[in-house]
Amino acid sequence: MTDHVMPDPITICIVDDEPLARRRLTQLLADLSDIEIVASACDGRDALGKVSSHKPELLLLDIEMPHVDGFDVIETLQTTGDVTAPPLIIFTTAFPDFAAQAYETGAIDFLTKPVQPERLAIALERARSALLARDAMARLEL
């Protein structure tokens, strides 16, 4: 009989200035056993603090937020964050016009609001694959 080791859950920080959007994402993720929401942030400044303290593997990141928008968060993380394992980014926004710019930042997916469960599942599968690849590369470097 083979023991199956369950992978660690993907740690996620949800970043959105709209409480209803944060709640919807939380509800969509609630039943997924391989997901752990470690933080939720209401704007970009809050997100940077939460990323620093919780070290999530994945950000579900809104773009249009007051003061510090999603692109500013990415830029700050790229210049001051943990360069060995920065969080992966899935943008969540009501503005599809930002898609090209979002992918230029290295985001692994771009979801338009309201986020549909099927599209979220596809985005999370991309995140799982990217994290597995990152983990494999890290093991090879040891």
Foldseek 3Di string as FASTA:
>chain_A
DDDDDDDAAQEEEEEALDPVLVVVVCVLCVPPPRYDHPYYYNALVRVLVCCVVVVGQEYAAEADDPPQGPVNSLVCCCVPNDPLRHHAYEYEYQDPVCVVVVVVSVHQYYAYPPGDSVVVVVSVVSSVVVVVVSVVVVVVVD
